[in-house]
Structure formats: C-alpha cells, structure tokens
Amino acid sequence: MQNEETTSASGVETPADTLTPPARKRPKPGERRVQILQALAAMLEQPGAERVTTAALAARLEVSEAALYRHFASKAQMFEGLIDFIEQSVFTLVNQILEREGATGAQQAAKILTLLVQFAERNPGMTRVMVGDALVYENERLQQRMNQFFDKIEATLRQVLRGAAAADGSATPSVDAQVRAAALTAFVVGQLQRFARSGFRRAPSEHLEATIALIV
C-alpha cells in the first residue's frame, strides 16, 4: 500500500512533509567564536554578576563545555577576545580623531574622552572588563593588557596636549601635557568604574560635556 502522506502529483506537500523538523544549521567558520564572545559579554552585563564560569556560559549557549574549548583553549582566551574587540574598536576611532585636520589638541582630547565614555555606555559588559571588575579571578595577563590599554590612551592624550600646551605659550609643554593626560585618564577610568559599580545605573556620560569643558 502506498503511503498517502507524500507529495501529491500536483506538488502540494502533505502533513508528513510539513512535520519533518528542519535540519539544524551548523555555524559558519568563526561564527561560533563570535556567539561565545557575545554570550560572555551579555552575562557580564548582568548587575551584580560575579565570576562567569564556563559551565554557565555553556548552559546559556546550550552547548557542552567541551564545545567551548574547541574554539578557545581557555577562558582567558575568551576574555582576550573581548579585549581584542575593545582595543580594535576604540583605537580605530581614536586614529580617525587624530587624522582629522583642523582640530586643536584640546578638542581631540575631548573627543577621545567622549569616545571612551560612549563606548562603555553602549557596552556595559565590556566596561567591567575595561575597569578590571570581571578580571579579578582571571589570569593576571588580562589585567596587564587592560593596564596597557589605558597607558596607550594616556600616551595619546599626552601627544595631542603637548602641542596645545606649546601653543598656549607653556615653558614646559611636555610636563604640562603629561600632568593633564594623567588627570584626564584618571577621570575617564573613574567614570567607567562608577558606571560598573552602580550596576550600570549611573551613566558615565552624566554631565560629561560640562565636565570636559572644565578639565580639558
């Protein structure tokens, strides 16, 4: 006897065809890595979230922990993936600010501070990485990388402010630029720390324009 639940001569699918579950698509190369990093960042966005475990991360993605380690050798590598994203995103935009003609050093410094604050506000999970809250129990080299990130920000601010200090007639433009760059870096780090430790309730952009006008 023929099975009646087949495709008819007219080409119309019968219930047997429509009930067949679709084949699960395999992630494209690199896609699963991105999904893991996105899930990690999302978990870090939860106010009061403590240390993220690979077990919890795997459960969120509905995969095994072994599946995570097929894409990352360790959890430290996952955090390094987030740090790579932070560095690439921020410094690509910093370079664009530096390449624009006609802006003064003070204006460039103000834009760099605004960029950092806006990036953090749009990426709360990344903010916890930037200020080190998410790295407390992780590999020490991760915190060292974030320290180097802010050292590079401070060096960039020092570079743009040196010209501004010289233009203002400072007798010690390098020293003045160094002091101002350190103060501005400390300011932006403080804004990000308050944002993270308030459970993301205190926006780092609060009174930002007025504050920058006072300190830059």
N, C-alpha and C. Protein backbone atom coordinates (compact mmCIF):
# COMPACT_ATOMS: atom_id res chain seq x y z
N MET A 1 0.85 -1.21 0.00
CA MET A 1 0.00 0.00 0.00
C MET A 1 0.88 1.24 0.00
N GLN A 2 0.47 2.19 -0.82
CA GLN A 2 1.24 3.43 -0.88
C GLN A 2 0.95 4.30 0.33
N ASN A 3 1.99 4.99 0.83
CA ASN A 3 1.80 5.95 1.91
C ASN A 3 1.11 7.17 1.35
N GLU A 4 -0.04 7.52 1.95
CA GLU A 4 -0.80 8.66 1.43
C GLU A 4 -0.16 9.98 1.83
N GLU A 5 0.70 9.97 2.84
CA GLU A 5 1.29 11.21 3.31
C GLU A 5 2.60 11.48 2.57
N THR A 6 2.45 11.68 1.26
CA THR A 6 3.60 12.01 0.43
C THR A 6 3.24 13.19 -0.42
N THR A 7 4.19 13.66 -1.21
CA THR A 7 3.91 14.78 -2.09
C THR A 7 3.01 14.32 -3.23
N SER A 8 1.91 15.02 -3.43
CA SER A 8 0.95 14.64 -4.46
C SER A 8 1.47 15.01 -5.83
N ALA A 9 0.76 14.54 -6.83
CA ALA A 9 1.16 14.83 -8.21
C ALA A 9 1.14 16.31 -8.51
N SER A 10 0.29 17.02 -7.79
CA SER A 10 0.19 18.46 -8.02
C SER A 10 1.35 19.22 -7.39
N GLY A 11 2.16 18.48 -6.60
CA GLY A 11 3.32 19.13 -5.97
C GLY A 11 3.01 19.71 -4.62
N VAL A 12 1.81 19.51 -4.09
CA VAL A 12 1.44 20.06 -2.79
C VAL A 12 1.94 19.13 -1.70
N GLU A 13 2.64 19.68 -0.69
CA GLU A 13 3.17 18.85 0.37
C GLU A 13 2.07 18.41 1.32
N THR A 14 2.16 17.18 1.77
CA THR A 14 1.20 16.63 2.71
C THR A 14 1.71 16.81 4.12
N PRO A 15 0.90 16.53 5.17
CA PRO A 15 1.33 16.70 6.55
C PRO A 15 2.63 15.99 6.89
N ALA A 16 2.88 14.84 6.28
CA ALA A 16 4.12 14.12 6.59
C ALA A 16 5.34 14.96 6.26
N ASP A 17 5.24 15.75 5.20
CA ASP A 17 6.37 16.60 4.82
C ASP A 17 6.51 17.79 5.76
N THR A 18 5.39 18.40 6.10
CA THR A 18 5.44 19.62 6.91
C THR A 18 5.84 19.34 8.34
N LEU A 19 5.67 18.11 8.83
CA LEU A 19 6.03 17.80 10.20
C LEU A 19 7.50 17.42 10.35
N THR A 20 8.20 17.26 9.25
CA THR A 20 9.61 16.91 9.33
C THR A 20 10.41 18.08 9.89
N PRO A 21 11.11 17.90 11.03
CA PRO A 21 11.85 19.04 11.62
C PRO A 21 12.98 19.48 10.70
N PRO A 22 13.20 20.78 10.61
CA PRO A 22 14.27 21.28 9.75
C PRO A 22 15.63 20.86 10.29
N ALA A 23 16.54 20.62 9.40
CA ALA A 23 17.90 20.25 9.82
C ALA A 23 18.55 21.42 10.54
N ARG A 24 19.24 21.13 11.64
CA ARG A 24 19.92 22.19 12.40
C ARG A 24 21.13 22.68 11.64
N LYS A 25 21.18 23.97 11.45
CA LYS A 25 22.29 24.53 10.69
C LYS A 25 23.56 24.55 11.52
N ARG A 26 24.65 24.18 10.92
CA ARG A 26 25.95 24.26 11.58
C ARG A 26 26.47 25.69 11.46
N PRO A 27 27.02 26.24 12.54
CA PRO A 27 27.56 27.60 12.46
C PRO A 27 28.66 27.69 11.41
N LYS A 28 28.73 28.81 10.75
CA LYS A 28 29.79 29.04 9.78
C LYS A 28 31.13 29.17 10.52
N PRO A 29 32.25 28.97 9.81
CA PRO A 29 33.56 29.12 10.46
C PRO A 29 33.69 30.50 11.13
N GLY A 30 34.06 30.50 12.39
CA GLY A 30 34.21 31.76 13.13
C GLY A 30 32.94 32.25 13.77
N GLU A 31 31.79 31.76 13.31
CA GLU A 31 30.51 32.25 13.84
C GLU A 31 30.31 31.83 15.28
N ARG A 32 30.69 30.59 15.61
CA ARG A 32 30.53 30.12 16.99
C ARG A 32 31.42 30.90 17.94
N ARG A 33 32.62 31.26 17.52
CA ARG A 33 33.50 32.09 18.36
C ARG A 33 32.83 33.41 18.70
N VAL A 34 32.22 34.03 17.70
CA VAL A 34 31.53 35.30 17.92
C VAL A 34 30.36 35.10 18.88
N GLN A 35 29.62 34.02 18.72
CA GLN A 35 28.48 33.74 19.59
C GLN A 35 28.93 33.56 21.04
N ILE A 36 30.06 32.89 21.23
CA ILE A 36 30.59 32.69 22.58
C ILE A 36 30.97 34.03 23.22
N LEU A 37 31.65 34.88 22.46
CA LEU A 37 32.06 36.18 22.98
C LEU A 37 30.84 37.07 23.27
N GLN A 38 29.84 37.02 22.40
CA GLN A 38 28.62 37.80 22.62
C GLN A 38 27.91 37.34 23.88
N ALA A 39 27.86 36.02 24.09
CA ALA A 39 27.21 35.48 25.28
C ALA A 39 27.97 35.87 26.54
N LEU A 40 29.30 35.83 26.48
CA LEU A 40 30.12 36.21 27.62
C LEU A 40 29.89 37.68 27.96
N ALA A 41 29.90 38.54 26.96
CA ALA A 41 29.67 39.97 27.19
C ALA A 41 28.28 40.21 27.78
N ALA A 42 27.28 39.48 27.28
CA ALA A 42 25.91 39.64 27.79
C ALA A 42 25.81 39.22 29.25
N MET A 43 26.51 38.15 29.62
CA MET A 43 26.49 37.69 31.02
C MET A 43 27.16 38.71 31.94
N LEU A 44 28.19 39.38 31.43
CA LEU A 44 28.87 40.40 32.23
C LEU A 44 28.02 41.65 32.42
N GLU A 45 27.00 41.80 31.59
CA GLU A 45 26.12 42.96 31.70
C GLU A 45 25.12 42.84 32.83
N GLN A 46 24.98 41.65 33.41
CA GLN A 46 24.01 41.46 34.47
C GLN A 46 24.50 42.14 35.75
N PRO A 47 23.75 43.11 36.27
CA PRO A 47 24.17 43.80 37.50
C PRO A 47 24.40 42.80 38.63
N GLY A 48 25.50 42.95 39.32
CA GLY A 48 25.80 42.06 40.43
C GLY A 48 26.36 40.72 40.02
N ALA A 49 26.59 40.53 38.73
CA ALA A 49 27.13 39.26 38.26
C ALA A 49 28.52 39.04 38.84
N GLU A 50 28.74 37.85 39.36
CA GLU A 50 30.05 37.52 39.89
C GLU A 50 30.86 36.83 38.79
N ARG A 51 31.78 36.00 39.18
CA ARG A 51 32.63 35.33 38.21
C ARG A 51 31.80 34.48 37.25
N VAL A 52 32.03 34.65 35.95
CA VAL A 52 31.34 33.87 34.94
C VAL A 52 32.09 32.55 34.77
N THR A 53 31.39 31.44 34.94
CA THR A 53 32.02 30.13 34.77
C THR A 53 31.77 29.61 33.37
N THR A 54 32.64 28.72 32.91
CA THR A 54 32.43 28.13 31.59
C THR A 54 31.18 27.26 31.59
N ALA A 55 30.83 26.68 32.74
CA ALA A 55 29.62 25.87 32.82
C ALA A 55 28.39 26.73 32.57
N ALA A 56 28.35 27.91 33.18
CA ALA A 56 27.21 28.81 32.99
C ALA A 56 27.18 29.34 31.56
N LEU A 57 28.34 29.62 31.01
CA LEU A 57 28.42 30.11 29.63
C LEU A 57 27.93 29.05 28.66
N ALA A 58 28.36 27.81 28.87
CA ALA A 58 27.92 26.72 28.00
C ALA A 58 26.42 26.51 28.11
N ALA A 59 25.89 26.62 29.32
CA ALA A 59 24.45 26.45 29.51
C ALA A 59 23.67 27.54 28.78
N ARG A 60 24.17 28.76 28.81
CA ARG A 60 23.49 29.86 28.12
C ARG A 60 23.45 29.61 26.62
N LEU A 61 24.51 29.03 26.09
CA LEU A 61 24.60 28.76 24.65
C LEU A 61 23.99 27.41 24.27
N GLU A 62 23.61 26.63 25.29
CA GLU A 62 23.04 25.30 25.07
C GLU A 62 24.03 24.39 24.33
N VAL A 63 25.27 24.45 24.78
CA VAL A 63 26.31 23.56 24.25
C VAL A 63 27.07 22.98 25.44
N SER A 64 27.95 22.05 25.17
CA SER A 64 28.78 21.48 26.24
C SER A 64 30.00 22.37 26.47
N GLU A 65 30.61 22.22 27.65
CA GLU A 65 31.84 22.96 27.92
C GLU A 65 32.93 22.55 26.92
N ALA A 66 32.91 21.27 26.54
CA ALA A 66 33.90 20.80 25.56
C ALA A 66 33.77 21.55 24.25
N ALA A 67 32.53 21.92 23.89
CA ALA A 67 32.30 22.68 22.65
C ALA A 67 32.95 24.06 22.73
N LEU A 68 32.93 24.65 23.92
CA LEU A 68 33.58 25.96 24.09
C LEU A 68 35.08 25.84 23.84
N TYR A 69 35.67 24.76 24.36
CA TYR A 69 37.11 24.60 24.27
C TYR A 69 37.58 24.16 22.89
N ARG A 70 36.63 23.86 22.01
CA ARG A 70 37.01 23.62 20.62
C ARG A 70 37.33 24.93 19.91
N HIS A 71 36.85 26.03 20.48
CA HIS A 71 37.05 27.35 19.86
C HIS A 71 38.02 28.23 20.65
N PHE A 72 38.13 27.97 21.94
CA PHE A 72 39.06 28.72 22.80
C PHE A 72 39.79 27.74 23.70
N ALA A 73 41.10 27.88 23.78
CA ALA A 73 41.89 26.94 24.59
C ALA A 73 41.61 27.10 26.08
N SER A 74 41.15 28.28 26.49
CA SER A 74 40.90 28.55 27.91
C SER A 74 39.91 29.71 28.03
N LYS A 75 39.42 29.91 29.24
CA LYS A 75 38.54 31.05 29.46
C LYS A 75 39.31 32.36 29.31
N ALA A 76 40.60 32.32 29.65
CA ALA A 76 41.43 33.52 29.47
C ALA A 76 41.43 33.95 28.01
N GLN A 77 41.45 33.00 27.10
CA GLN A 77 41.41 33.34 25.67
C GLN A 77 40.09 33.98 25.29
N MET A 78 39.01 33.59 25.95
CA MET A 78 37.71 34.22 25.68
C MET A 78 37.76 35.69 26.09
N PHE A 79 38.32 35.95 27.27
CA PHE A 79 38.44 37.35 27.71
C PHE A 79 39.40 38.12 26.80
N GLU A 80 40.43 37.46 26.32
CA GLU A 80 41.34 38.12 25.38
C GLU A 80 40.60 38.50 24.10
N GLY A 81 39.63 37.68 23.70
CA GLY A 81 38.81 38.01 22.53
C GLY A 81 38.01 39.28 22.77
N LEU A 82 37.49 39.45 24.00
CA LEU A 82 36.76 40.69 24.33
C LEU A 82 37.72 41.88 24.34
N ILE A 83 38.91 41.68 24.89
CA ILE A 83 39.89 42.77 24.94
C ILE A 83 40.33 43.16 23.53
N ASP A 84 40.48 42.16 22.66
CA ASP A 84 40.81 42.46 21.25
C ASP A 84 39.74 43.36 20.64
N PHE A 85 38.48 43.04 20.91
CA PHE A 85 37.37 43.83 20.38
C PHE A 85 37.42 45.26 20.91
N ILE A 86 37.68 45.40 22.21
CA ILE A 86 37.76 46.72 22.82
C ILE A 86 38.87 47.54 22.17
N GLU A 87 40.05 46.95 22.07
CA GLU A 87 41.21 47.65 21.52
C GLU A 87 40.96 48.07 20.07
N GLN A 88 40.49 47.14 19.27
CA GLN A 88 40.27 47.43 17.85
C GLN A 88 39.20 48.49 17.65
N SER A 89 38.12 48.38 18.40
CA SER A 89 37.02 49.34 18.26
C SER A 89 37.45 50.74 18.68
N VAL A 90 38.07 50.83 19.84
CA VAL A 90 38.43 52.15 20.38
C VAL A 90 39.55 52.80 19.57
N PHE A 91 40.62 52.07 19.31
CA PHE A 91 41.76 52.71 18.67
C PHE A 91 41.54 52.98 17.19
N THR A 92 40.64 52.25 16.56
CA THR A 92 40.27 52.60 15.18
C THR A 92 39.63 53.98 15.16
N LEU A 93 38.75 54.24 16.14
CA LEU A 93 38.09 55.54 16.20
C LEU A 93 39.03 56.64 16.70
N VAL A 94 39.93 56.29 17.62
CA VAL A 94 40.92 57.27 18.08
C VAL A 94 41.78 57.73 16.91
N ASN A 95 42.20 56.80 16.08
CA ASN A 95 43.01 57.16 14.92
C ASN A 95 42.26 58.07 13.96
N GLN A 96 40.96 57.84 13.82
CA GLN A 96 40.16 58.72 12.97
C GLN A 96 40.12 60.13 13.54
N ILE A 97 40.03 60.24 14.86
CA ILE A 97 40.05 61.56 15.51
C ILE A 97 41.38 62.26 15.25
N LEU A 98 42.47 61.52 15.36
CA LEU A 98 43.79 62.11 15.17
C LEU A 98 44.05 62.53 13.73
N GLU A 99 43.41 61.83 12.79
CA GLU A 99 43.64 62.11 11.37
C GLU A 99 42.83 63.31 10.85
N ARG A 100 41.83 63.72 11.60
CA ARG A 100 41.01 64.84 11.14
C ARG A 100 41.80 66.14 11.27
N GLU A 101 41.76 66.91 10.24
CA GLU A 101 42.51 68.17 10.24
C GLU A 101 41.67 69.30 10.82
N GLY A 102 42.37 70.28 11.36
CA GLY A 102 41.69 71.48 11.83
C GLY A 102 41.32 71.48 13.30
N ALA A 103 41.39 70.33 13.97
CA ALA A 103 41.04 70.28 15.39
C ALA A 103 42.24 70.60 16.25
N THR A 104 42.02 71.30 17.34
CA THR A 104 43.10 71.60 18.28
C THR A 104 43.37 70.36 19.15
N GLY A 105 44.49 70.40 19.85
CA GLY A 105 44.81 69.29 20.74
C GLY A 105 43.76 69.11 21.82
N ALA A 106 43.26 70.22 22.36
CA ALA A 106 42.23 70.14 23.40
C ALA A 106 40.94 69.52 22.86
N GLN A 107 40.59 69.88 21.62
CA GLN A 107 39.39 69.32 21.00
C GLN A 107 39.55 67.82 20.75
N GLN A 108 40.74 67.42 20.32
CA GLN A 108 41.00 66.00 20.10
C GLN A 108 40.92 65.23 21.41
N ALA A 109 41.50 65.80 22.47
CA ALA A 109 41.45 65.14 23.78
C ALA A 109 40.01 64.98 24.25
N ALA A 110 39.21 66.01 24.07
CA ALA A 110 37.80 65.96 24.48
C ALA A 110 37.06 64.87 23.71
N LYS A 111 37.34 64.75 22.43
CA LYS A 111 36.67 63.73 21.62
C LYS A 111 37.09 62.33 22.03
N ILE A 112 38.35 62.15 22.40
CA ILE A 112 38.82 60.84 22.84
C ILE A 112 38.13 60.44 24.15
N LEU A 113 38.01 61.38 25.08
CA LEU A 113 37.32 61.09 26.34
C LEU A 113 35.85 60.73 26.07
N THR A 114 35.22 61.49 25.20
CA THR A 114 33.81 61.23 24.87
C THR A 114 33.66 59.87 24.22
N LEU A 115 34.58 59.53 23.33
CA LEU A 115 34.55 58.23 22.67
C LEU A 115 34.60 57.09 23.69
N LEU A 116 35.52 57.17 24.64
CA LEU A 116 35.66 56.12 25.64
C LEU A 116 34.40 55.97 26.48
N VAL A 117 33.83 57.08 26.88
CA VAL A 117 32.63 57.04 27.70
C VAL A 117 31.45 56.47 26.91
N GLN A 118 31.28 56.90 25.68
CA GLN A 118 30.18 56.40 24.85
C GLN A 118 30.33 54.92 24.56
N PHE A 119 31.55 54.47 24.30
CA PHE A 119 31.78 53.04 24.05
C PHE A 119 31.39 52.23 25.28
N ALA A 120 31.80 52.68 26.45
CA ALA A 120 31.49 51.96 27.68
C ALA A 120 29.99 51.93 27.93
N GLU A 121 29.33 53.05 27.70
CA GLU A 121 27.89 53.14 27.97
C GLU A 121 27.11 52.20 27.05
N ARG A 122 27.59 52.04 25.82
CA ARG A 122 26.91 51.16 24.87
C ARG A 122 27.27 49.70 25.07
N ASN A 123 28.34 49.43 25.81
CA ASN A 123 28.82 48.06 26.01
C ASN A 123 29.09 47.82 27.50
N PRO A 124 28.04 47.72 28.31
CA PRO A 124 28.25 47.58 29.76
C PRO A 124 29.12 46.39 30.15
N GLY A 125 28.93 45.25 29.47
CA GLY A 125 29.75 44.09 29.80
C GLY A 125 31.22 44.34 29.55
N MET A 126 31.53 45.05 28.47
CA MET A 126 32.92 45.40 28.16
C MET A 126 33.49 46.35 29.21
N THR A 127 32.63 47.18 29.78
CA THR A 127 33.08 48.13 30.80
C THR A 127 33.66 47.39 32.00
N ARG A 128 33.02 46.30 32.38
CA ARG A 128 33.52 45.51 33.52
C ARG A 128 34.88 44.91 33.22
N VAL A 129 35.14 44.62 31.95
CA VAL A 129 36.47 44.15 31.55
C VAL A 129 37.46 45.31 31.59
N MET A 130 37.06 46.46 31.07
CA MET A 130 37.95 47.61 30.99
C MET A 130 38.44 48.06 32.36
N VAL A 131 37.55 48.05 33.35
CA VAL A 131 37.95 48.53 34.68
C VAL A 131 38.48 47.40 35.55
N GLY A 132 38.47 46.17 35.03
CA GLY A 132 39.08 45.05 35.75
C GLY A 132 38.15 44.29 36.67
N ASP A 133 36.90 44.73 36.85
CA ASP A 133 35.99 44.03 37.76
C ASP A 133 35.78 42.57 37.33
N ALA A 134 35.70 42.34 36.03
CA ALA A 134 35.44 40.99 35.52
C ALA A 134 36.71 40.14 35.48
N LEU A 135 37.85 40.75 35.78
CA LEU A 135 39.13 40.04 35.63
C LEU A 135 39.78 39.67 36.96
N VAL A 136 39.07 39.95 38.06
CA VAL A 136 39.66 39.79 39.39
C VAL A 136 40.18 38.37 39.62
N TYR A 137 39.40 37.36 39.22
CA TYR A 137 39.79 35.97 39.46
C TYR A 137 40.37 35.29 38.23
N GLU A 138 40.70 36.09 37.22
CA GLU A 138 41.19 35.52 35.96
C GLU A 138 42.71 35.66 35.86
N ASN A 139 43.25 35.24 34.74
CA ASN A 139 44.69 35.28 34.53
C ASN A 139 45.23 36.70 34.64
N GLU A 140 46.35 36.86 35.31
CA GLU A 140 46.91 38.19 35.57
C GLU A 140 47.24 38.96 34.29
N ARG A 141 47.56 38.24 33.23
CA ARG A 141 47.95 38.92 32.00
C ARG A 141 46.78 39.72 31.40
N LEU A 142 45.55 39.33 31.73
CA LEU A 142 44.38 40.05 31.21
C LEU A 142 44.33 41.46 31.79
N GLN A 143 44.56 41.57 33.10
CA GLN A 143 44.58 42.90 33.72
C GLN A 143 45.76 43.72 33.20
N GLN A 144 46.87 43.05 32.95
CA GLN A 144 48.03 43.76 32.39
C GLN A 144 47.70 44.35 31.02
N ARG A 145 46.93 43.61 30.22
CA ARG A 145 46.55 44.13 28.90
C ARG A 145 45.66 45.35 29.03
N MET A 146 44.73 45.32 29.98
CA MET A 146 43.88 46.49 30.15
C MET A 146 44.66 47.68 30.70
N ASN A 147 45.64 47.41 31.56
CA ASN A 147 46.52 48.48 32.03
C ASN A 147 47.26 49.11 30.85
N GLN A 148 47.73 48.27 29.94
CA GLN A 148 48.43 48.76 28.76
C GLN A 148 47.49 49.56 27.85
N PHE A 149 46.24 49.15 27.81
CA PHE A 149 45.24 49.88 27.02
C PHE A 149 45.13 51.32 27.51
N PHE A 150 44.98 51.50 28.81
CA PHE A 150 44.85 52.86 29.34
C PHE A 150 46.18 53.61 29.31
N ASP A 151 47.28 52.90 29.39
CA ASP A 151 48.59 53.56 29.21
C ASP A 151 48.68 54.15 27.80
N LYS A 152 48.17 53.41 26.83
CA LYS A 152 48.20 53.89 25.45
C LYS A 152 47.26 55.08 25.26
N ILE A 153 46.11 55.04 25.93
CA ILE A 153 45.19 56.18 25.89
C ILE A 153 45.87 57.41 26.48
N GLU A 154 46.53 57.23 27.62
CA GLU A 154 47.22 58.36 28.26
C GLU A 154 48.33 58.90 27.38
N ALA A 155 49.07 58.02 26.73
CA ALA A 155 50.14 58.46 25.83
C ALA A 155 49.57 59.25 24.65
N THR A 156 48.43 58.82 24.15
CA THR A 156 47.80 59.54 23.03
C THR A 156 47.34 60.91 23.48
N LEU A 157 46.75 60.99 24.65
CA LEU A 157 46.33 62.29 25.18
C LEU A 157 47.53 63.20 25.41
N ARG A 158 48.60 62.63 25.91
CA ARG A 158 49.82 63.41 26.14
C ARG A 158 50.35 63.98 24.83
N GLN A 159 50.26 63.17 23.78
CA GLN A 159 50.75 63.60 22.46
C GLN A 159 49.95 64.79 21.94
N VAL A 160 48.62 64.72 22.02
CA VAL A 160 47.80 65.80 21.45
C VAL A 160 47.84 67.05 22.33
N LEU A 161 48.03 66.86 23.64
CA LEU A 161 48.02 68.01 24.55
C LEU A 161 49.36 68.74 24.59
N ARG A 162 50.44 68.06 24.17
CA ARG A 162 51.75 68.71 24.15
C ARG A 162 51.74 69.89 23.19
N GLY A 163 51.16 69.69 22.02
CA GLY A 163 51.07 70.77 21.04
C GLY A 163 50.19 71.90 21.55
N ALA A 164 49.10 71.54 22.24
CA ALA A 164 48.21 72.57 22.78
C ALA A 164 48.90 73.39 23.84
N ALA A 165 49.70 72.73 24.69
CA ALA A 165 50.42 73.46 25.73
C ALA A 165 51.47 74.39 25.13
N ALA A 166 52.15 73.93 24.10
CA ALA A 166 53.15 74.78 23.43
C ALA A 166 52.48 75.97 22.77
N ALA A 167 51.32 75.73 22.17
CA ALA A 167 50.59 76.83 21.51
C ALA A 167 50.12 77.87 22.51
N ASP A 168 49.87 77.43 23.74
CA ASP A 168 49.43 78.35 24.80
C ASP A 168 50.60 79.09 25.44
N GLY A 169 51.82 78.81 24.96
CA GLY A 169 52.99 79.51 25.48
C GLY A 169 53.59 78.91 26.72
N SER A 170 53.28 77.64 27.01
CA SER A 170 53.83 76.99 28.20
C SER A 170 55.35 76.86 28.07
N ALA A 171 56.05 77.12 29.17
CA ALA A 171 57.51 76.98 29.18
C ALA A 171 57.91 75.51 29.30
N THR A 172 56.97 74.68 29.78
CA THR A 172 57.24 73.24 29.94
C THR A 172 56.08 72.44 29.34
N PRO A 173 55.92 72.50 28.02
CA PRO A 173 54.76 71.84 27.41
C PRO A 173 54.71 70.33 27.64
N SER A 174 55.85 69.65 27.66
CA SER A 174 55.86 68.21 27.87
C SER A 174 55.36 67.84 29.27
N VAL A 175 55.84 68.60 30.26
CA VAL A 175 55.42 68.34 31.65
C VAL A 175 53.94 68.64 31.81
N ASP A 176 53.50 69.77 31.28
CA ASP A 176 52.09 70.14 31.39
C ASP A 176 51.20 69.10 30.72
N ALA A 177 51.62 68.63 29.55
CA ALA A 177 50.83 67.63 28.82
C ALA A 177 50.77 66.32 29.60
N GLN A 178 51.88 65.95 30.22
CA GLN A 178 51.94 64.72 30.99
C GLN A 178 50.97 64.77 32.17
N VAL A 179 50.96 65.90 32.87
CA VAL A 179 50.09 66.06 34.04
C VAL A 179 48.62 66.03 33.62
N ARG A 180 48.29 66.76 32.57
CA ARG A 180 46.89 66.82 32.11
C ARG A 180 46.43 65.48 31.58
N ALA A 181 47.29 64.79 30.84
CA ALA A 181 46.92 63.48 30.29
C ALA A 181 46.65 62.48 31.41
N ALA A 182 47.47 62.49 32.44
CA ALA A 182 47.27 61.58 33.57
C ALA A 182 45.96 61.88 34.28
N ALA A 183 45.65 63.17 34.46
CA ALA A 183 44.41 63.56 35.13
C ALA A 183 43.19 63.18 34.31
N LEU A 184 43.26 63.36 33.01
CA LEU A 184 42.12 63.03 32.14
C LEU A 184 41.89 61.52 32.09
N THR A 185 42.98 60.76 32.05
CA THR A 185 42.85 59.30 32.04
C THR A 185 42.23 58.82 33.35
N ALA A 186 42.68 59.38 34.47
CA ALA A 186 42.12 59.01 35.77
C ALA A 186 40.63 59.37 35.83
N PHE A 187 40.26 60.48 35.23
CA PHE A 187 38.86 60.89 35.20
C PHE A 187 38.00 59.87 34.47
N VAL A 188 38.43 59.49 33.27
CA VAL A 188 37.60 58.59 32.47
C VAL A 188 37.54 57.20 33.10
N VAL A 189 38.63 56.73 33.70
CA VAL A 189 38.61 55.45 34.39
C VAL A 189 37.64 55.50 35.57
N GLY A 190 37.64 56.62 36.28
CA GLY A 190 36.71 56.79 37.40
C GLY A 190 35.26 56.77 36.95
N GLN A 191 34.97 57.40 35.82
CA GLN A 191 33.60 57.38 35.29
C GLN A 191 33.16 55.96 34.96
N LEU A 192 34.06 55.19 34.37
CA LEU A 192 33.73 53.81 33.99
C LEU A 192 33.56 52.93 35.23
N GLN A 193 34.41 53.14 36.25
CA GLN A 193 34.29 52.36 37.48
C GLN A 193 32.97 52.65 38.18
N ARG A 194 32.58 53.91 38.23
CA ARG A 194 31.31 54.26 38.87
C ARG A 194 30.14 53.63 38.13
N PHE A 195 30.21 53.62 36.79
CA PHE A 195 29.18 53.01 35.96
C PHE A 195 29.04 51.53 36.28
N ALA A 196 30.16 50.83 36.34
CA ALA A 196 30.13 49.38 36.60
C ALA A 196 29.67 49.08 38.02
N ARG A 197 30.16 49.82 38.98
CA ARG A 197 29.87 49.51 40.38
C ARG A 197 28.51 50.00 40.84
N SER A 198 27.87 50.82 40.02
CA SER A 198 26.49 51.24 40.33
C SER A 198 25.48 50.28 39.72
N GLY A 199 25.97 49.18 39.15
CA GLY A 199 25.08 48.25 38.46
C GLY A 199 24.56 48.85 37.17
N PHE A 200 25.38 49.74 36.58
CA PHE A 200 25.09 50.40 35.30
C PHE A 200 23.92 51.40 35.43
N ARG A 201 23.69 51.88 36.65
CA ARG A 201 22.63 52.89 36.83
C ARG A 201 23.15 54.31 36.65
N ARG A 202 24.41 54.56 37.04
CA ARG A 202 24.99 55.90 36.90
C ARG A 202 25.71 55.98 35.56
N ALA A 203 25.07 56.62 34.60
CA ALA A 203 25.64 56.71 33.25
C ALA A 203 26.95 57.49 33.29
N PRO A 204 28.00 56.99 32.65
CA PRO A 204 29.28 57.70 32.63
C PRO A 204 29.22 59.01 31.85
N SER A 205 28.19 59.16 31.02
CA SER A 205 28.05 60.40 30.23
C SER A 205 27.33 61.50 31.00
N GLU A 206 26.97 61.22 32.24
CA GLU A 206 26.26 62.20 33.06
C GLU A 206 27.12 63.46 33.24
N HIS A 207 26.60 64.60 32.81
CA HIS A 207 27.31 65.89 32.90
C HIS A 207 28.66 65.86 32.18
N LEU A 208 28.80 64.98 31.20
CA LEU A 208 30.10 64.79 30.56
C LEU A 208 30.59 66.05 29.85
N GLU A 209 29.74 66.64 29.04
CA GLU A 209 30.17 67.80 28.26
C GLU A 209 30.63 68.95 29.15
N ALA A 210 29.85 69.21 30.21
CA ALA A 210 30.21 70.29 31.13
C ALA A 210 31.50 69.98 31.88
N THR A 211 31.68 68.71 32.26
CA THR A 211 32.89 68.31 32.99
C THR A 211 34.12 68.44 32.10
N ILE A 212 34.01 67.97 30.87
CA ILE A 212 35.14 68.06 29.95
C ILE A 212 35.52 69.51 29.71
N ALA A 213 34.53 70.37 29.60
CA ALA A 213 34.80 71.79 29.39
C ALA A 213 35.62 72.37 30.55
N LEU A 214 35.43 71.82 31.75
CA LEU A 214 36.16 72.32 32.91
C LEU A 214 37.58 71.79 33.00
N ILE A 215 37.78 70.53 32.56
CA ILE A 215 39.07 69.89 32.84
C ILE A 215 40.00 69.79 31.64
N VAL A 216 39.48 69.94 30.43
CA VAL A 216 40.37 69.82 29.27
C VAL A 216 40.99 71.15 28.94
